[in-house]
Structure formats: structure tokens, C-alpha cells
Protein backbone atom coordinates (compact mmCIF):
# COMPACT_ATOMS: atom_id res chain seq x y z
CA MET A 1 -89.10 -106.60 60.64
CA SER A 2 -91.05 -105.36 63.51
CA ILE A 3 -89.75 -105.37 66.92
CA ALA A 4 -92.07 -107.81 68.07
CA ALA A 5 -91.06 -110.45 65.21
CA GLN A 6 -87.46 -109.85 66.21
CA SER A 7 -88.32 -110.64 69.83
CA ASP A 8 -90.21 -113.71 68.99
CA GLY A 9 -87.36 -114.91 66.60
CA MET A 10 -84.79 -114.43 69.61
CA ILE A 11 -87.10 -116.12 72.02
CA LYS A 12 -87.30 -119.13 69.82
CA GLN A 13 -83.59 -119.16 69.46
CA ARG A 14 -83.20 -118.93 73.18
CA THR A 15 -85.49 -121.87 73.82
CA ALA A 16 -83.54 -123.96 71.08
CA LEU A 17 -80.45 -123.35 72.68
CA ALA A 18 -81.70 -123.99 76.09
CA ASN A 19 -83.12 -127.27 74.81
CA GLN A 20 -79.68 -128.21 73.29
CA ILE A 21 -77.84 -127.48 76.37
CA ARG A 22 -80.35 -129.49 78.80
CA GLY A 23 -79.92 -132.45 76.23
CA LEU A 24 -76.19 -132.37 75.92
CA LEU A 25 -75.68 -131.99 79.72
CA GLY A 26 -77.94 -134.93 80.15
CA GLU A 27 -75.24 -137.02 78.21
CA TYR A 28 -72.85 -136.10 80.95
CA GLY A 29 -75.43 -137.06 83.66
CA TYR A 30 -76.43 -133.43 84.50
CA ILE A 31 -80.09 -132.65 84.58
CA ILE A 32 -81.41 -129.20 84.49
CA PRO A 33 -85.10 -128.74 84.63
CA LYS A 34 -87.08 -126.83 82.20
CA GLY A 35 -87.35 -123.17 82.43
CA ILE A 36 -84.95 -120.41 81.26
CA GLY A 37 -83.89 -119.39 84.54
CA HIS A 38 -82.64 -122.97 85.44
CA ILE A 39 -79.99 -122.61 82.67
CA THR A 40 -78.49 -119.40 84.18
CA ASP A 41 -78.70 -120.74 87.60
CA SER A 42 -77.30 -124.24 87.16
CA LEU A 43 -74.80 -124.20 84.31
CA PRO A 44 -72.43 -121.60 85.87
CA LYS A 45 -72.35 -123.89 89.02
CA ILE A 46 -71.56 -126.94 86.81
CA LEU A 47 -68.84 -125.28 85.15
CA ALA A 48 -67.35 -123.84 88.37
CA ASP A 49 -67.54 -127.20 90.10
CA PRO A 50 -63.79 -128.48 90.57
CA ALA A 51 -65.44 -132.14 90.29
CA CYS A 52 -67.13 -131.20 87.24
CA ARG A 53 -67.55 -134.42 84.90
CA LEU A 54 -67.32 -132.37 81.54
CA THR A 55 -64.28 -133.17 79.38
CA GLU A 56 -61.93 -130.13 78.66
CA THR A 57 -63.77 -129.64 75.21
CA GLY A 58 -67.23 -130.12 76.80
CA HIS A 59 -66.28 -127.41 79.38
CA TRP A 60 -65.18 -125.04 76.69
CA MET A 61 -68.43 -125.87 74.58
CA PHE A 62 -70.62 -125.16 77.42
CA GLY A 63 -69.04 -122.14 78.57
CA ASP A 64 -69.36 -120.90 74.89
CA GLN A 65 -73.07 -121.89 74.82
CA LEU A 66 -73.62 -120.04 78.30
CA GLN A 67 -71.95 -116.86 76.75
CA ARG A 68 -74.31 -116.95 73.73
CA PHE A 69 -77.35 -117.87 75.89
CA THR A 70 -76.61 -114.78 78.33
CA GLN A 71 -76.07 -112.56 75.18
CA LEU A 72 -79.27 -113.54 73.80
CA GLN A 73 -81.26 -113.09 76.94
CA GLU A 74 -79.72 -109.46 77.17
CA HIS A 75 -80.78 -108.83 73.66
CA ILE A 76 -84.38 -110.26 74.33
CA GLU A 77 -84.71 -107.89 77.41
CA SER A 78 -83.34 -105.08 75.32
CA VAL A 79 -85.84 -105.54 72.37
CA GLU A 80 -88.74 -105.98 74.80
CA GLY A 81 -87.78 -102.64 76.51
CA LEU A 82 -88.07 -101.06 73.05
CA CYS A 83 -91.38 -102.64 72.61
CA CYS A 84 -92.74 -101.17 75.73
CA ILE A 85 -91.20 -97.68 75.12
CA ASN A 86 -92.76 -97.67 71.55
CA GLN A 87 -96.37 -98.85 72.93
CA PHE A 88 -96.36 -96.23 75.70
CA PRO A 89 -94.66 -92.97 74.22
CA ALA A 90 -93.74 -90.48 76.75
């Protein structure tokens, strides 16, 4: 599997997870706009809010999803860094 194909697969996973997070949060009355950055900006604030409307299970679930989202984002950035290194060897 090429680095580009691996990166594309992870980007698709990240997008699917972002859409899942947005959709489920909508069921609790939280609306997060489209865009990857909105997930990492908004979800931690929602989870840290003492007046958060999430159930205990929902709070755990979204915390877990945020962790997976963050790890996936870090992997994508690492793979994209490798792509650049391999395209432009020193």
C-alpha cells in the first residue's frame, strides 16, 4: 500500500468519524459546523462545560471519539509528512 493510499484511507475514516460525531451531538442539541477544525475546537469545550447536556454514557462516548479523532489526525499528519519527505529527498 502506498503512503498516499494510506493517507486517503485515513482521511476517509476521519471524515466519517467527524460526521458521526456531528450527527450524534445533534441528537443532544449541539450543532457543530462542517470542517475538521470545528470538531477539535468545539467538542472539548462541550465535554468540559459543567452544564453539558450529555448523559454520563454520552460524555464517555464522545470523549472516546475525540481521542480516536485526535489520534487519527496525528497519524494523517505523520503520513503526509512522510509523503513530502519521499517526494523531495534531501
